[in-house]
Amino acid sequence: PIGNKLIPQVLMYAKDIAPVVDEGGYEVAQQMTLVPDETMTDAFGWFEFHPVGRYDALTARRFFARFNEIELLGFNVPQTEVRAGDSIPIALYWKATQPPPLNYHLFVHLRAADGSLVGQSDKLNPAESPTTHWIADGYLLDSHTLTIAPDTRPGQYQLFVGLWEESAGRVMAYGEDGAALGDSVPLGITVNVQQ
């Protein structure tokens, strides 16, 4: 009927219903329910299932960069007005163009204009999985909580993302045009630290 919302569901079967399983092979649901969040858009046209049947929408804001075999597809930073000592959630979306031969680690930095660090989030396994286990062409959601140093002065600060590995150090990032971006990528997000 007009005015009712349609909720698409995905169900696969042959003789029996095939359960939805995660990357570890564990059953998480019998079907995926694709329920759009009205505040976000699925810019890439992909959905990620969850045991309770929701999906995580990919960011409508796009930024593309490549770190060797790994691409940063997009990101979401829902909170940019903060106070010193606050924490902000950050979602990064990654894709391996081929299985990476090294286990890369990840950092998210919040920096002042002079490059000084006022907040960071580090992970040994981005998206909770060693990068050598990443499957080519799938995308991974990588959630972070970045805490701003309590002595941070009011002002505007920028977010940067980078990868590194013990033997190789920081990994050089490249843009869509192949131009080198440096050993970290500015996300173009300004975080305003208030009084």
Protein backbone atom coordinates (compact mmCIF):
# COMPACT_ATOMS: atom_id res chain seq x y z
CA PRO A 1 0.00 0.00 0.00
CA ILE A 2 1.06 3.60 -0.66
CA GLY A 3 3.00 5.08 2.22
CA ASN A 4 4.21 1.75 3.62
CA LYS A 5 7.93 1.10 3.75
CA LEU A 6 9.30 -1.96 2.00
CA ILE A 7 12.02 -3.89 3.82
CA PRO A 8 14.09 -6.04 1.42
CA GLN A 9 15.45 -9.31 2.73
CA VAL A 10 18.06 -11.60 1.22
CA LEU A 11 17.58 -15.35 1.51
CA MET A 12 19.56 -18.02 -0.36
CA TYR A 13 18.53 -21.64 -0.67
CA ALA A 14 18.74 -24.78 -2.75
CA LYS A 15 16.89 -27.62 -1.00
CA ASP A 16 17.44 -25.99 2.38
CA ILE A 17 17.95 -22.41 3.49
CA ALA A 18 21.65 -21.54 3.53
CA PRO A 19 22.55 -19.64 6.72
CA VAL A 20 24.41 -16.34 6.61
CA VAL A 21 27.92 -16.87 7.97
CA ASP A 22 30.64 -14.39 8.82
CA GLU A 23 34.26 -14.49 7.62
CA GLY A 24 35.13 -16.93 10.41
CA GLY A 25 32.50 -19.39 9.23
CA TYR A 26 30.13 -18.77 12.16
CA GLU A 27 26.39 -18.65 11.52
CA VAL A 28 25.01 -15.19 12.26
CA ALA A 29 21.51 -15.28 10.78
CA GLN A 30 19.14 -17.12 8.44
CA GLN A 31 18.64 -14.06 6.31
CA MET A 32 19.92 -10.52 5.88
CA THR A 33 17.48 -7.67 6.32
CA LEU A 34 18.53 -4.55 4.44
CA VAL A 35 17.14 -1.68 6.48
CA PRO A 36 18.38 1.74 5.30
CA ASP A 37 19.37 4.33 7.87
CA GLU A 38 17.65 7.53 6.73
CA THR A 39 20.58 9.69 7.83
CA MET A 40 23.12 7.87 5.67
CA THR A 41 23.40 6.57 2.14
CA ASP A 42 24.96 3.41 0.80
CA ALA A 43 27.24 5.23 -1.62
CA PHE A 44 28.99 2.10 -2.87
CA GLY A 45 25.91 -0.10 -3.25
CA TRP A 46 27.21 -2.73 -0.83
CA PHE A 47 25.74 -3.92 2.43
CA GLU A 48 27.38 -5.49 5.47
CA PHE A 49 25.31 -7.97 7.46
CA HIS A 50 25.16 -8.05 11.25
CA PRO A 51 23.80 -10.71 13.64
CA VAL A 52 20.78 -8.55 14.50
CA GLY A 53 19.93 -8.10 10.82
CA ARG A 54 20.94 -4.50 10.24
CA TYR A 55 23.42 -3.13 7.78
CA ASP A 56 26.20 -0.59 8.12
CA ALA A 57 25.93 2.01 5.38
CA LEU A 58 29.11 3.14 3.71
CA THR A 59 29.91 6.81 3.93
CA ALA A 60 28.36 9.20 1.43
CA ARG A 61 31.58 11.20 1.62
CA ARG A 62 34.23 9.56 -0.58
CA PHE A 63 37.97 9.71 -0.49
CA PHE A 64 40.20 7.33 -2.38
CA ALA A 65 43.81 6.49 -1.67
CA ARG A 66 45.97 3.40 -2.20
CA PHE A 67 48.56 1.99 0.19
CA ASN A 68 50.28 -0.76 -1.84
CA GLU A 69 47.62 -3.51 -2.15
CA ILE A 70 45.11 -1.75 0.12
CA GLU A 71 42.67 1.02 -0.81
CA LEU A 72 40.95 3.42 1.53
CA LEU A 73 37.44 3.52 0.03
CA GLY A 74 35.78 5.99 2.36
CA PHE A 75 35.24 7.13 5.89
CA ASN A 76 32.65 8.51 8.26
CA VAL A 77 33.32 11.00 11.07
CA PRO A 78 29.90 11.88 12.54
CA GLN A 79 31.18 14.21 15.27
CA THR A 80 33.52 17.15 14.66
CA GLU A 81 32.55 19.64 17.40
CA VAL A 82 34.26 18.45 20.56
CA ARG A 83 36.03 19.50 23.76
CA ALA A 84 39.47 18.50 25.00
CA GLY A 85 39.32 15.01 26.52
CA ASP A 86 36.36 13.93 24.37
CA SER A 87 36.40 10.84 22.16
CA ILE A 88 35.11 10.75 18.60
CA PRO A 89 34.02 7.69 16.59
CA ILE A 90 35.63 7.16 13.19
CA ALA A 91 34.70 4.53 10.60
CA LEU A 92 37.13 3.67 7.79
CA TYR A 93 36.29 1.46 4.81
CA TRP A 94 39.08 -0.61 3.24
CA LYS A 95 39.48 -2.95 0.30
CA ALA A 96 42.37 -5.20 -0.70
CA THR A 97 43.02 -5.20 -4.46
CA GLN A 98 44.99 -8.42 -3.92
CA PRO A 99 45.85 -10.35 -0.74
CA PRO A 100 48.51 -8.24 1.06
CA PRO A 101 51.81 -10.09 1.67
CA LEU A 102 52.47 -8.14 4.91
CA ASN A 103 50.51 -7.52 8.09
CA TYR A 104 50.02 -3.77 8.02
CA HIS A 105 49.11 -1.78 11.10
CA LEU A 106 47.04 1.38 11.08
CA PHE A 107 47.08 4.80 12.72
CA VAL A 108 44.56 7.63 12.82
CA HIS A 109 46.10 10.94 13.91
CA LEU A 110 44.50 14.23 14.89
CA ARG A 111 47.09 16.93 14.21
CA ALA A 112 47.52 20.65 14.72
CA ALA A 113 48.61 22.91 11.84
CA ASP A 114 52.25 22.56 13.00
CA GLY A 115 51.99 18.75 12.81
CA SER A 116 51.86 18.16 16.57
CA LEU A 117 49.71 15.23 17.65
CA VAL A 118 46.69 15.86 19.90
CA GLY A 119 44.89 12.52 19.49
CA GLN A 120 45.38 9.11 17.93
CA SER A 121 43.99 5.62 17.47
CA ASP A 122 46.30 2.72 16.57
CA LYS A 123 45.46 -0.84 15.53
CA LEU A 124 47.73 -3.79 14.92
CA ASN A 125 44.92 -5.45 12.94
CA PRO A 126 42.75 -3.01 10.98
CA ALA A 127 39.13 -4.20 10.79
CA GLU A 128 40.04 -6.71 13.54
CA SER A 129 41.86 -9.02 11.11
CA PRO A 130 45.50 -9.35 10.00
CA THR A 131 45.76 -7.79 6.55
CA THR A 132 47.34 -10.98 5.17
CA HIS A 133 43.91 -12.59 5.76
CA TRP A 134 42.02 -9.94 3.79
CA ILE A 135 40.22 -11.20 0.70
CA ALA A 136 40.61 -9.25 -2.53
CA ASP A 137 37.68 -7.08 -3.61
CA GLY A 138 35.67 -7.42 -0.39
CA TYR A 139 35.34 -4.33 1.78
CA LEU A 140 36.00 -4.10 5.50
CA LEU A 141 34.61 -1.71 8.10
CA ASP A 142 37.29 -0.53 10.53
CA SER A 143 35.91 1.26 13.61
CA HIS A 144 38.00 3.56 15.77
CA THR A 145 37.56 5.71 18.86
CA LEU A 146 39.99 8.62 18.89
CA THR A 147 40.48 10.39 22.24
CA ILE A 148 41.58 14.02 22.20
CA ALA A 149 44.32 14.89 24.69
CA PRO A 150 42.85 16.66 27.74
CA ASP A 151 45.36 19.54 27.46
CA THR A 152 44.45 20.29 23.80
CA ARG A 153 43.92 23.99 23.18
CA PRO A 154 40.76 25.21 21.45
CA GLY A 155 41.18 25.38 17.70
CA GLN A 156 40.92 23.47 14.43
CA TYR A 157 42.68 20.15 13.89
CA GLN A 158 42.94 17.73 10.94
CA LEU A 159 42.54 13.94 10.70
CA PHE A 160 45.16 11.77 8.97
CA VAL A 161 45.23 8.02 8.28
CA GLY A 162 48.23 5.84 7.51
CA LEU A 163 49.55 2.27 7.44
CA TRP A 164 52.88 0.92 8.66
CA GLU A 165 54.71 -2.37 9.03
CA GLU A 166 57.58 -3.31 11.37
CA SER A 167 60.20 -4.03 8.69
CA ALA A 168 59.06 -1.52 6.06
CA GLY A 169 58.03 1.43 8.24
CA ARG A 170 55.25 3.74 7.07
CA VAL A 171 53.60 2.91 3.73
CA MET A 172 53.44 5.57 1.00
CA ALA A 173 49.91 6.55 -0.06
CA TYR A 174 48.89 7.38 -3.64
CA GLY A 175 45.85 9.17 -5.04
CA GLU A 176 43.57 8.04 -7.88
CA ASP A 177 45.84 9.81 -10.36
CA GLY A 178 48.89 7.94 -9.05
CA ALA A 179 50.37 11.01 -7.38
CA ALA A 180 52.15 10.39 -4.08
CA LEU A 181 50.22 11.74 -1.08
CA GLY A 182 52.87 11.06 1.57
CA ASP A 183 53.05 8.48 4.35
CA SER A 184 49.62 9.48 5.67
CA VAL A 185 46.42 10.69 4.05
CA PRO A 186 44.60 13.84 5.17
CA LEU A 187 40.88 13.08 5.30
CA GLY A 188 39.92 16.71 4.76
CA ILE A 189 37.97 16.65 8.04
CA THR A 190 38.34 19.59 10.42
CA VAL A 191 37.74 18.79 14.08
CA ASN A 192 36.87 21.89 16.10
CA VAL A 193 38.02 21.69 19.72
CA GLN A 194 35.97 24.14 21.73
CA GLN A 195 36.50 25.83 25.12
